[in-house]
C-alpha atoms as a PDB file:
ATOM      1  CA  MET A   1     170.815 -81.639 139.954  1.00  0.00           C
ATOM      2  CA  THR A   2     167.220 -79.662 139.609  1.00  0.00           C
ATOM      3  CA  GLU A   3     167.490 -76.173 140.735  1.00  0.00           C
ATOM      4  CA  HIS A   4     164.751 -74.825 143.239  1.00  0.00           C
ATOM      5  CA  PRO A   5     161.931 -72.951 141.244  1.00  0.00           C
ATOM      6  CA  LEU A   6     162.279 -69.880 143.734  1.00  0.00           C
ATOM      7  CA  ARG A   7     166.521 -69.583 143.102  1.00  0.00           C
ATOM      8  CA  LEU A   8     165.790 -69.799 139.277  1.00  0.00           C
ATOM      9  CA  ARG A   9     163.150 -66.937 139.273  1.00  0.00           C
ATOM     10  CA  THR A  10     165.458 -64.660 141.901  1.00  0.00           C
ATOM     11  CA  ARG A  11     168.382 -65.236 139.222  1.00  0.00           C
ATOM     12  CA  GLY A  12     166.051 -64.199 136.551  1.00  0.00           C
ATOM     13  CA  ILE A  13     165.367 -61.160 138.311  1.00  0.00           C
ATOM     14  CA  ARG A  14     168.748 -59.909 139.023  1.00  0.00           C
ATOM     15  CA  ARG A  15     169.499 -60.785 135.137  1.00  0.00           C
ATOM     16  CA  ALA A  16     166.994 -58.370 133.900  1.00  0.00           C
ATOM     17  CA  GLY A  17     168.317 -56.336 136.208  1.00  0.00           C
ATOM     18  CA  VAL A  18     171.586 -55.715 135.000  1.00  0.00           C
ATOM     19  CA  VAL A  19     170.268 -55.658 131.474  1.00  0.00           C
ATOM     20  CA  LEU A  20     168.274 -52.689 132.372  1.00  0.00           C
ATOM     21  CA  ALA A  21     171.112 -50.914 134.255  1.00  0.00           C
ATOM     22  CA  ALA A  22     172.834 -51.129 131.346  1.00  0.00           C
ATOM     23  CA  ALA A  23     170.654 -50.180 128.977  1.00  0.00           C
ATOM     24  CA  CYS A  24     169.416 -47.104 130.674  1.00  0.00           C
ATOM     25  CA  ALA A  25     173.507 -46.603 130.695  1.00  0.00           C
ATOM     26  CA  VAL A  26     173.562 -47.117 126.938  1.00  0.00           C
ATOM     27  CA  LEU A  27     170.227 -44.836 127.137  1.00  0.00           C
ATOM     28  CA  LEU A  28     172.175 -41.869 128.939  1.00  0.00           C
ATOM     29  CA  ALA A  29     175.171 -41.663 126.950  1.00  0.00           C
ATOM     30  CA  GLY A  30     173.594 -41.453 123.974  1.00  0.00           C
ATOM     31  CA  PRO A  31     172.942 -38.726 121.388  1.00  0.00           C
ATOM     32  CA  THR A  32     170.124 -37.385 123.260  1.00  0.00           C
ATOM     33  CA  ALA A  33     172.389 -36.421 126.648  1.00  0.00           C
ATOM     34  CA  VAL A  34     172.521 -33.127 127.376  1.00  0.00           C
ATOM     35  CA  PRO A  35     176.159 -31.511 127.523  1.00  0.00           C
ATOM     36  CA  ALA A  36     176.809 -30.039 131.021  1.00  0.00           C
ATOM     37  CA  GLN A  37     177.477 -26.804 129.960  1.00  0.00           C
ATOM     38  CA  ALA A  38     174.821 -26.414 128.258  1.00  0.00           C
ATOM     39  CA  ALA A  39     172.640 -27.702 131.014  1.00  0.00           C
ATOM     40  CA  GLY A  40     174.333 -25.522 133.250  1.00  0.00           C
ATOM     41  CA  GLY A  41     175.172 -22.440 131.423  1.00  0.00           C
ATOM     42  CA  PRO A  42     178.166 -20.548 129.928  1.00  0.00           C
ATOM     43  CA  SER A  43     181.637 -21.826 131.141  1.00  0.00           C
ATOM     44  CA  GLY A  44     185.048 -19.828 132.545  1.00  0.00           C
ATOM     45  CA  ILE A  45     182.746 -16.646 133.368  1.00  0.00           C
ATOM     46  CA  ALA A  46     184.841 -14.360 135.380  1.00  0.00           C
ATOM     47  CA  ALA A  47     182.295 -11.513 136.530  1.00  0.00           C
ATOM     48  CA  LYS A  48     180.938 -11.581 140.070  1.00  0.00           C
ATOM     49  CA  GLY A  49     177.644 -11.188 138.856  1.00  0.00           C
ATOM     50  CA  ALA A  50     175.973 -11.966 135.259  1.00  0.00           C
ATOM     51  CA  PHE A  51     172.789 -12.575 133.518  1.00  0.00           C
ATOM     52  CA  LEU A  52     171.529 -13.580 130.184  1.00  0.00           C
ATOM     53  CA  LEU A  53     167.886 -13.229 129.143  1.00  0.00           C
ATOM     54  CA  ASP A  54     166.214 -13.689 126.319  1.00  0.00           C
ATOM     55  CA  SER A  55     164.758 -10.401 125.428  1.00  0.00           C
ATOM     56  CA  GLY A  56     161.759 -11.455 123.351  1.00  0.00           C
ATOM     57  CA  PRO A  57     159.656 -14.111 125.047  1.00  0.00           C
ATOM     58  CA  ASP A  58     161.370 -12.409 128.825  1.00  0.00           C
ATOM     59  CA  LYS A  59     163.150 -15.623 129.242  1.00  0.00           C
ATOM     60  CA  THR A  60     165.572 -16.388 131.988  1.00  0.00           C
ATOM     61  CA  LEU A  61     168.390 -18.157 130.065  1.00  0.00           C
ATOM     62  CA  TRP A  62     171.271 -18.028 132.922  1.00  0.00           C
ATOM     63  CA  GLY A  63     172.482 -16.509 135.983  1.00  0.00           C
ATOM     64  CA  LYS A  64     175.138 -15.752 138.064  1.00  0.00           C
ATOM     65  CA  GLY A  65     174.662 -14.076 141.590  1.00  0.00           C
ATOM     66  CA  ALA A  66     171.937 -12.511 139.539  1.00  0.00           C
ATOM     67  CA  ASP A  67     170.222 -11.144 142.633  1.00  0.00           C
ATOM     68  CA  THR A  68     173.143  -9.942 144.790  1.00  0.00           C
ATOM     69  CA  ARG A  69     173.381  -6.320 145.149  1.00  0.00           C
ATOM     70  CA  ARG A  70     176.285  -4.495 143.173  1.00  0.00           C
ATOM     71  CA  GLU A  71     177.373  -1.164 142.103  1.00  0.00           C
ATOM     72  CA  MET A  72     177.300  -0.658 138.578  1.00  0.00           C
ATOM     73  CA  ALA A  73     178.742   2.356 137.765  1.00  0.00           C
ATOM     74  CA  SER A  74     178.137   4.076 134.567  1.00  0.00           C
ATOM     75  CA  THR A  75     176.100   2.052 133.580  1.00  0.00           C
ATOM     76  CA  THR A  76     173.575   3.568 135.744  1.00  0.00           C
ATOM     77  CA  LYS A  77     173.053   5.997 132.809  1.00  0.00           C
ATOM     78  CA  ILE A  78     170.731   3.141 131.266  1.00  0.00           C
ATOM     79  CA  MET A  79     168.189   4.420 134.140  1.00  0.00           C
ATOM     80  CA  ALA A  80     168.709   7.930 132.876  1.00  0.00           C
ATOM     81  CA  ALA A  81     168.503   7.757 129.471  1.00  0.00           C
ATOM     82  CA  ALA A  82     165.256   5.305 129.819  1.00  0.00           C
ATOM     83  CA  VAL A  83     163.898   8.312 132.129  1.00  0.00           C
ATOM     84  CA  VAL A  84     164.455  11.045 129.528  1.00  0.00           C
ATOM     85  CA  VAL A  85     163.169   9.365 126.253  1.00  0.00           C
ATOM     86  CA  THR A  86     160.199   8.154 127.901  1.00  0.00           C
ATOM     87  CA  THR A  87     159.209  11.092 129.400  1.00  0.00           C
ATOM     88  CA  LYS A  88     155.793  12.329 128.210  1.00  0.00           C
ATOM     89  CA  GLY A  89     155.806  14.498 125.511  1.00  0.00           C
ATOM     90  CA  VAL A  90     159.633  14.580 125.308  1.00  0.00           C
ATOM     91  CA  ASP A  91     161.192  17.075 122.943  1.00  0.00           C
ATOM     92  CA  LEU A  92     164.055  15.437 121.663  1.00  0.00           C
ATOM     93  CA  ASN A  93     165.152  18.611 119.748  1.00  0.00           C
ATOM     94  CA  ARG A  94     164.675  21.004 122.757  1.00  0.00           C
ATOM     95  CA  LYS A  95     168.056  23.272 122.995  1.00  0.00           C
ATOM     96  CA  VAL A  96     169.957  22.895 125.854  1.00  0.00           C
ATOM     97  CA  THR A  97     172.733  25.370 127.370  1.00  0.00           C
ATOM     98  CA  VAL A  98     175.678  23.493 128.413  1.00  0.00           C
ATOM     99  CA  LYS A  99     176.476  25.168 131.984  1.00  0.00           C
ATOM    100  CA  ARG A 100     179.969  25.530 133.403  1.00  0.00           C
ATOM    101  CA  ALA A 101     178.170  23.490 136.655  1.00  0.00           C
ATOM    102  CA  TYR A 102     178.835  20.591 134.057  1.00  0.00           C
ATOM    103  CA  ARG A 103     182.359  20.966 133.559  1.00  0.00           C
ATOM    104  CA  ASP A 104     183.148  21.625 137.103  1.00  0.00           C
ATOM    105  CA  TYR A 105     181.508  18.464 137.628  1.00  0.00           C
ATOM    106  CA  VAL A 106     183.624  15.897 135.646  1.00  0.00           C
ATOM    107  CA  THR A 107     186.879  17.919 137.188  1.00  0.00           C
ATOM    108  CA  ARG A 108     186.026  17.948 140.377  1.00  0.00           C
ATOM    109  CA  TYR A 109     185.728  14.007 140.234  1.00  0.00           C
ATOM    110  CA  GLY A 110     187.820  12.830 137.551  1.00  0.00           C
ATOM    111  CA  ALA A 111     185.101  11.784 135.511  1.00  0.00           C
ATOM    112  CA  SER A 112     184.467  10.878 132.034  1.00  0.00           C
ATOM    113  CA  THR A 113     183.459  13.619 129.762  1.00  0.00           C
ATOM    114  CA  ALA A 114     181.920  14.684 126.663  1.00  0.00           C
ATOM    115  CA  ASP A 115     183.736  18.281 127.230  1.00  0.00           C
ATOM    116  CA  LEU A 116     181.482  19.932 126.702  1.00  0.00           C
ATOM    117  CA  LYS A 117     181.802  23.432 126.000  1.00  0.00           C
ATOM    118  CA  THR A 118     180.119  25.789 128.069  1.00  0.00           C
ATOM    119  CA  GLY A 119     177.868  28.575 126.547  1.00  0.00           C
ATOM    120  CA  ASP A 120     177.200  25.441 123.826  1.00  0.00           C
ATOM    121  CA  LYS A 121     173.559  24.428 123.032  1.00  0.00           C
ATOM    122  CA  LEU A 122     173.051  21.062 122.395  1.00  0.00           C
ATOM    123  CA  THR A 123     169.963  19.147 121.870  1.00  0.00           C
ATOM    124  CA  VAL A 124     168.386  16.688 123.909  1.00  0.00           C
ATOM    125  CA  ARG A 125     168.915  14.049 121.068  1.00  0.00           C
ATOM    126  CA  GLN A 126     172.318  14.987 120.679  1.00  0.00           C
ATOM    127  CA  LEU A 127     173.232  15.158 124.824  1.00  0.00           C
ATOM    128  CA  LEU A 128     171.718  11.580 124.942  1.00  0.00           C
ATOM    129  CA  TYR A 129     174.267  10.562 122.299  1.00  0.00           C
ATOM    130  CA  GLY A 130     177.100  12.558 124.495  1.00  0.00           C
ATOM    131  CA  MET A 131     175.950  10.538 127.819  1.00  0.00           C
ATOM    132  CA  MET A 132     175.882   7.502 126.134  1.00  0.00           C
ATOM    133  CA  LEU A 133     178.610   6.940 124.200  1.00  0.00           C
ATOM    134  CA  PRO A 134     181.606   8.818 125.377  1.00  0.00           C
ATOM    135  CA  SER A 135     179.953   8.129 129.074  1.00  0.00           C
ATOM    136  CA  GLY A 136     180.096  11.982 129.423  1.00  0.00           C
ATOM    137  CA  CYS A 137     178.689  12.648 133.066  1.00  0.00           C
ATOM    138  CA  ASP A 138     178.691  16.226 131.771  1.00  0.00           C
ATOM    139  CA  ALA A 139     176.285  15.502 129.714  1.00  0.00           C
ATOM    140  CA  ALA A 140     174.044  13.485 132.115  1.00  0.00           C
ATOM    141  CA  TYR A 141     174.476  16.379 134.865  1.00  0.00           C
ATOM    142  CA  ALA A 142     173.278  18.558 131.517  1.00  0.00           C
ATOM    143  CA  LEU A 143     169.518  15.964 131.122  1.00  0.00           C
ATOM    144  CA  ALA A 144     169.343  15.742 134.891  1.00  0.00           C
ATOM    145  CA  ASP A 145     169.565  19.566 135.181  1.00  0.00           C
ATOM    146  CA  THR A 146     166.518  19.632 131.999  1.00  0.00           C
ATOM    147  CA  PHE A 147     164.361  17.059 133.815  1.00  0.00           C
ATOM    148  CA  GLY A 148     164.512  17.584 137.023  1.00  0.00           C
ATOM    149  CA  SER A 149     161.642  19.867 138.843  1.00  0.00           C
ATOM    150  CA  GLY A 150     162.757  22.561 141.191  1.00  0.00           C
ATOM    151  CA  SER A 151     164.001  26.128 141.368  1.00  0.00           C
ATOM    152  CA  THR A 152     167.679  25.109 141.963  1.00  0.00           C
ATOM    153  CA  THR A 153     170.133  22.708 139.950  1.00  0.00           C
ATOM    154  CA  ALA A 154     170.418  20.791 142.896  1.00  0.00           C
ATOM    155  CA  ALA A 155     166.756  20.501 143.222  1.00  0.00           C
ATOM    156  CA  ARG A 156     166.329  19.325 139.869  1.00  0.00           C
ATOM    157  CA  THR A 157     168.862  16.873 140.046  1.00  0.00           C
ATOM    158  CA  LYS A 158     167.813  15.142 142.797  1.00  0.00           C
ATOM    159  CA  SER A 159     164.114  15.267 141.032  1.00  0.00           C
ATOM    160  CA  PHE A 160     165.640  13.555 138.576  1.00  0.00           C
ATOM    161  CA  ILE A 161     167.650  10.856 140.360  1.00  0.00           C
ATOM    162  CA  SER A 162     164.394  10.426 142.450  1.00  0.00           C
ATOM    163  CA  LYS A 163     162.131   9.746 138.788  1.00  0.00           C
ATOM    164  CA  MET A 164     165.024   6.866 138.136  1.00  0.00           C
ATOM    165  CA  ASN A 165     164.020   5.524 141.574  1.00  0.00           C
ATOM    166  CA  LYS A 166     160.328   5.263 140.700  1.00  0.00           C
ATOM    167  CA  LYS A 167     160.939   3.997 137.151  1.00  0.00           C
ATOM    168  CA  ALA A 168     163.107   1.412 138.737  1.00  0.00           C
ATOM    169  CA  ALA A 169     159.876   0.225 140.902  1.00  0.00           C
ATOM    170  CA  GLY A 170     157.983   0.559 138.003  1.00  0.00           C
ATOM    171  CA  LEU A 171     159.809  -2.009 136.329  1.00  0.00           C
ATOM    172  CA  GLY A 172     160.059  -4.856 139.171  1.00  0.00           C
ATOM    173  CA  MET A 173     163.644  -3.928 139.906  1.00  0.00           C
ATOM    174  CA  LYS A 174     163.511  -4.819 143.305  1.00  0.00           C
ATOM    175  CA  ASN A 175     167.192  -4.802 144.334  1.00  0.00           C
ATOM    176  CA  THR A 176     167.891  -1.537 142.538  1.00  0.00           C
ATOM    177  CA  ARG A 177     168.042   1.935 144.490  1.00  0.00           C
ATOM    178  CA  PHE A 178     169.934   5.140 142.528  1.00  0.00           C
ATOM    179  CA  ASP A 179     171.718   7.940 144.425  1.00  0.00           C
ATOM    180  CA  SER A 180     173.169   9.590 141.099  1.00  0.00           C
ATOM    181  CA  PHE A 181     172.261  10.280 137.714  1.00  0.00           C
ATOM    182  CA  ASP A 182     175.430   8.890 136.193  1.00  0.00           C
ATOM    183  CA  GLY A 183     177.292   6.455 138.507  1.00  0.00           C
ATOM    184  CA  ILE A 184     179.494   8.627 140.623  1.00  0.00           C
ATOM    185  CA  SER A 185     177.659   7.664 144.037  1.00  0.00           C
ATOM    186  CA  LYS A 186     178.663   9.832 146.974  1.00  0.00           C
ATOM    187  CA  GLY A 187     176.408   7.775 149.546  1.00  0.00           C
ATOM    188  CA  GLY A 188     176.902   4.071 148.368  1.00  0.00           C
ATOM    189  CA  LYS A 189     173.558   4.069 147.891  1.00  0.00           C
ATOM    190  CA  ASN A 190     173.826   3.259 143.988  1.00  0.00           C
ATOM    191  CA  TYR A 191     173.248  -0.519 143.188  1.00  0.00           C
ATOM    192  CA  SER A 192     171.232  -3.091 141.393  1.00  0.00           C
ATOM    193  CA  THR A 193     171.646  -6.643 140.402  1.00  0.00           C
ATOM    194  CA  PRO A 194     172.122  -8.486 137.288  1.00  0.00           C
ATOM    195  CA  ARG A 195     169.118  -9.679 137.031  1.00  0.00           C
ATOM    196  CA  ASP A 196     167.649  -5.798 137.485  1.00  0.00           C
ATOM    197  CA  MET A 197     170.067  -4.640 135.005  1.00  0.00           C
ATOM    198  CA  ALA A 198     168.463  -7.050 132.433  1.00  0.00           C
ATOM    199  CA  LYS A 199     165.272  -5.928 133.038  1.00  0.00           C
ATOM    200  CA  LEU A 200     165.873  -2.302 132.837  1.00  0.00           C
ATOM    201  CA  ALA A 201     168.021  -3.242 129.228  1.00  0.00           C
ATOM    202  CA  ARG A 202     165.360  -4.782 127.952  1.00  0.00           C
ATOM    203  CA  HIS A 203     162.788  -1.895 128.917  1.00  0.00           C
ATOM    204  CA  ALA A 204     164.883   0.686 127.376  1.00  0.00           C
ATOM    205  CA  MET A 205     165.545  -1.528 124.237  1.00  0.00           C
ATOM    206  CA  GLY A 206     161.754  -1.360 123.328  1.00  0.00           C
ATOM    207  CA  ASN A 207     162.495   2.888 122.724  1.00  0.00           C
ATOM    208  CA  SER A 208     163.407   3.207 119.512  1.00  0.00           C
ATOM    209  CA  THR A 209     165.881   6.839 120.113  1.00  0.00           C
ATOM    210  CA  PHE A 210     167.290   4.870 122.914  1.00  0.00           C
ATOM    211  CA  ARG A 211     168.282   1.930 120.499  1.00  0.00           C
ATOM    212  CA  ALA A 212     169.780   3.974 117.717  1.00  0.00           C
ATOM    213  CA  VAL A 213     171.984   5.757 120.252  1.00  0.00           C
ATOM    214  CA  VAL A 214     173.551   3.094 122.451  1.00  0.00           C
ATOM    215  CA  LYS A 215     173.969   1.194 118.620  1.00  0.00           C
ATOM    216  CA  ALA A 216     176.095   3.927 117.476  1.00  0.00           C
ATOM    217  CA  ALA A 217     179.887   2.873 117.377  1.00  0.00           C
ATOM    218  CA  LYS A 218     180.524   6.845 116.273  1.00  0.00           C
ATOM    219  CA  THR A 219     179.112  10.153 116.204  1.00  0.00           C
ATOM    220  CA  VAL A 220     179.605  13.608 115.253  1.00  0.00           C
ATOM    221  CA  GLN A 221     177.349  16.438 116.265  1.00  0.00           C
ATOM    222  CA  LYS A 222     177.207  20.379 115.731  1.00  0.00           C
ATOM    223  CA  ALA A 223     176.352  22.362 118.611  1.00  0.00           C
ATOM    224  CA  THR A 224     174.284  26.189 117.541  1.00  0.00           C
ATOM    225  CA  ASN A 225     177.222  27.551 116.699  1.00  0.00           C
ATOM    226  CA  GLY A 226     178.648  25.202 114.736  1.00  0.00           C
ATOM    227  CA  ARG A 227     181.194  23.505 116.996  1.00  0.00           C
ATOM    228  CA  THR A 228     181.490  19.853 115.829  1.00  0.00           C
ATOM    229  CA  TYR A 229     181.784  17.058 118.884  1.00  0.00           C
ATOM    230  CA  THR A 230     182.918  13.878 117.617  1.00  0.00           C
ATOM    231  CA  TRP A 231     181.964  11.003 120.226  1.00  0.00           C
ATOM    232  CA  TYR A 232     183.223   7.141 119.998  1.00  0.00           C
ATOM    233  CA  ASN A 233     181.096   4.624 122.189  1.00  0.00           C
ATOM    234  CA  THR A 234     183.150   3.053 124.700  1.00  0.00           C
ATOM    235  CA  ASN A 235     181.557  -0.412 124.291  1.00  0.00           C
ATOM    236  CA  LYS A 236     183.740  -2.438 121.996  1.00  0.00           C
ATOM    237  CA  LEU A 237     181.600  -5.335 121.675  1.00  0.00           C
ATOM    238  CA  LEU A 238     180.200  -3.261 118.983  1.00  0.00           C
ATOM    239  CA  GLY A 239     181.170  -3.647 115.859  1.00  0.00           C
ATOM    240  CA  SER A 240     183.657  -6.471 116.967  1.00  0.00           C
ATOM    241  CA  TYR A 241     181.010  -9.751 117.875  1.00  0.00           C
ATOM    242  CA  LYS A 242     178.527  -9.943 114.690  1.00  0.00           C
ATOM    243  CA  GLY A 243     174.837  -9.140 115.622  1.00  0.00           C
ATOM    244  CA  VAL A 244     176.031  -6.960 118.970  1.00  0.00           C
ATOM    245  CA  ILE A 245     173.526  -3.961 118.969  1.00  0.00           C
ATOM    246  CA  GLY A 246     174.298  -2.235 122.634  1.00  0.00           C
ATOM    247  CA  ILE A 247     174.574  -1.038 125.521  1.00  0.00           C
ATOM    248  CA  LYS A 248     176.648   0.244 127.533  1.00  0.00           C
ATOM    249  CA  THR A 249     179.896  -0.097 130.019  1.00  0.00           C
ATOM    250  CA  GLY A 250     180.661   1.425 133.514  1.00  0.00           C
ATOM    251  CA  THR A 251     183.889   0.966 135.634  1.00  0.00           C
ATOM    252  CA  GLY A 252     184.166   2.094 139.128  1.00  0.00           C
ATOM    253  CA  SER A 253     186.799   1.746 142.163  1.00  0.00           C
ATOM    254  CA  LYS A 254     183.897  -0.448 143.882  1.00  0.00           C
ATOM    255  CA  ALA A 255     181.938  -1.986 141.025  1.00  0.00           C
ATOM    256  CA  GLY A 256     184.564  -2.777 138.887  1.00  0.00           C
ATOM    257  CA  PRO A 257     184.664  -3.071 134.958  1.00  0.00           C
ATOM    258  CA  CYS A 258     180.920  -3.761 133.796  1.00  0.00           C
ATOM    259  CA  LEU A 259     178.995  -4.251 130.866  1.00  0.00           C
ATOM    260  CA  VAL A 260     175.396  -4.218 129.894  1.00  0.00           C
ATOM    261  CA  PHE A 261     175.130  -5.293 126.060  1.00  0.00           C
ATOM    262  CA  ALA A 262     172.613  -6.911 123.870  1.00  0.00           C
ATOM    263  CA  ALA A 263     172.788  -8.904 120.822  1.00  0.00           C
ATOM    264  CA  THR A 264     170.255 -10.189 117.731  1.00  0.00           C
ATOM    265  CA  ARG A 265     170.709 -13.360 115.494  1.00  0.00           C
ATOM    266  CA  ASP A 266     168.127 -14.604 113.080  1.00  0.00           C
ATOM    267  CA  GLU A 267     165.427 -12.165 114.945  1.00  0.00           C
ATOM    268  CA  ARG A 268     166.529 -13.624 118.319  1.00  0.00           C
ATOM    269  CA  THR A 269     167.476 -10.596 120.400  1.00  0.00           C
ATOM    270  CA  VAL A 270     169.535 -11.588 123.972  1.00  0.00           C
ATOM    271  CA  VAL A 271     170.201  -8.947 126.762  1.00  0.00           C
ATOM    272  CA  GLY A 272     173.630  -9.760 128.595  1.00  0.00           C
ATOM    273  CA  VAL A 273     174.518  -8.042 132.212  1.00  0.00           C
ATOM    274  CA  ILE A 274     178.283  -7.674 133.719  1.00  0.00           C
ATOM    275  CA  LEU A 275     178.838  -7.341 137.246  1.00  0.00           C
ATOM    276  CA  ASN A 276     182.652  -6.639 137.987  1.00  0.00           C
ATOM    277  CA  SER A 277     184.462  -8.874 135.935  1.00  0.00           C
ATOM    278  CA  SER A 278     188.280  -8.967 135.069  1.00  0.00           C
ATOM    279  CA  ASP A 279     187.536  -9.457 131.643  1.00  0.00           C
ATOM    280  CA  ARG A 280     184.147  -8.586 130.575  1.00  0.00           C
ATOM    281  CA  TYR A 281     184.434  -8.893 126.924  1.00  0.00           C
ATOM    282  CA  ARG A 282     185.760 -12.228 126.932  1.00  0.00           C
ATOM    283  CA  ASP A 283     182.853 -12.740 129.259  1.00  0.00           C
ATOM    284  CA  ALA A 284     180.097 -11.224 127.282  1.00  0.00           C
ATOM    285  CA  THR A 285     181.797 -13.634 123.900  1.00  0.00           C
ATOM    286  CA  ARG A 286     181.409 -16.634 125.634  1.00  0.00           C
ATOM    287  CA  MET A 287     177.916 -15.680 127.256  1.00  0.00           C
ATOM    288  CA  LEU A 288     176.613 -14.869 123.333  1.00  0.00           C
ATOM    289  CA  ASP A 289     178.356 -17.739 121.863  1.00  0.00           C
ATOM    290  CA  TRP A 290     176.246 -19.883 124.660  1.00  0.00           C
ATOM    291  CA  SER A 291     173.340 -18.007 123.986  1.00  0.00           C
ATOM    292  CA  PHE A 292     173.167 -19.003 120.733  1.00  0.00           C
ATOM    293  CA  LYS A 293     174.643 -22.789 120.617  1.00  0.00           C
ATOM    294  CA  ARG A 294     177.622 -21.565 119.049  1.00  0.00           C
ATOM    295  CA  LYS A 295     179.805 -25.245 118.903  1.00  0.00           C
ATOM    296  CA  THR A 296     183.011 -23.222 118.654  1.00  0.00           C
ATOM    297  CA  ALA A 297     184.219 -20.332 120.117  1.00  0.00           C
ATOM    298  CA  THR A 298     183.791 -16.964 118.070  1.00  0.00           C
ATOM    299  CA  LYS A 299     187.243 -15.068 117.621  1.00  0.00           C
ATOM    300  CA  VAL A 300     187.019 -11.706 118.507  1.00  0.00           C
ATOM    301  CA  THR A 301     188.913  -8.780 117.910  1.00  0.00           C
ATOM    302  CA  LEU A 302     187.667  -5.298 119.533  1.00  0.00           C
ATOM    303  CA  ARG A 303     187.273  -2.212 118.226  1.00  0.00           C
ATOM    304  CA  THR A 304     190.136   0.235 119.282  1.00  0.00           C
ATOM    305  CA  LEU A 305     189.308   3.323 120.360  1.00  0.00           C
ATOM    306  CA  PRO A 306     191.338   6.566 118.850  1.00  0.00           C
ATOM    307  CA  ALA A 307     194.176   7.689 121.041  1.00  0.00           C
ATOM    308  CA  GLY A 308     192.171  10.812 123.324  1.00  0.00           C
ATOM    309  CA  ALA A 309     188.603   8.901 122.883  1.00  0.00           C
ATOM    310  CA  GLN A 310     186.991   8.034 126.605  1.00  0.00           C
ATOM    311  CA  GLN A 311     187.459   4.471 128.424  1.00  0.00           C
ATOM    312  CA  ASP A 312     184.910   3.248 130.499  1.00  0.00           C
END
C-alpha cells in the first residue's frame, strides 16, 4: 500500500529534526565548548567578597559579592599610601619625628606596629615601608599627622582621612568610606567593596614609589640617629607565587582576613581582592591560576615570617 505524500513529508521533517538535534549535541560537546569553571570563574573561593581585574585594559574578570560593602581592615592603608605618594610636590626624603602619641596609639588598640621609637627621625619613604610591610599603625599615624592640615594632631588626622575620602570619590569608589587612616574604625564607618578596592589597587600600582614599597618582602632602614629597623612584609604570597608584586594584607574582628594582591605574567598584570576569607592565600592562588589559565593547580609553599615579625 502506498503511503500518503503528506505522511511521507511529515516523517522526513521529523527525521531531519532528529539529525539536526544530534548534530547540535555533538557540536556543543566538542572541543570548542567552554568548561563551566572557565565561564563562571575560579571555583572553591572561601572569601565572602572577591574580585579580579585585568589591570592593563581595566577589565573585570570575575567577582563574588563584588559590590557588597564590607570592612577591609589594614588594606585601608593602601589608600593612606596612595594619598601620600600622589600629594603634589611630595618630598619622600622629608624627615618626620616619631611622637610618643604614635606609640601610645598602637598600645591602646593592640595594633600592628613598625615599633617606631619616640624621638627617632625617619623619612616619608621609610614610613611608607613601615606602614605597608609590617602594617605599622604607628607609621600610618605619623604619615596622617604629617600630611593632614590643622593645628592639632587630631585635626590633622581628621583632615588626612578627608583626603582619603576625596580621593576615593575621585576614583569612582562609590561604595567606599573611610573613618580611619589605618583600618581601626572607631565609628564603624570604614568600609569598601571588592570592586572598589581593585580600582584603588590599580591606581596605586601606577605609582613607582608605591610599587617599589609593596613589592619588598623585607627592608632594613636606618633612622637619622643610626637605629636600624628591619621590617618584613606580612603578605606571604610575595615570593611564594610566581609573579606576585604586592600588595597588602588586613585582618580584623569584623573584617576577617583580607588580602589585596597583584601579579604579573607575560606583561599582563592581574589585581585581586579578597575580603573576609577563611583561607585567603588559597583563594588568591586559585584566583590567579584561573586568571592566568593554568590547567593544573599551582603548589604554593608560603613564605614564612621570622619569630617576632608582625602578622596581619
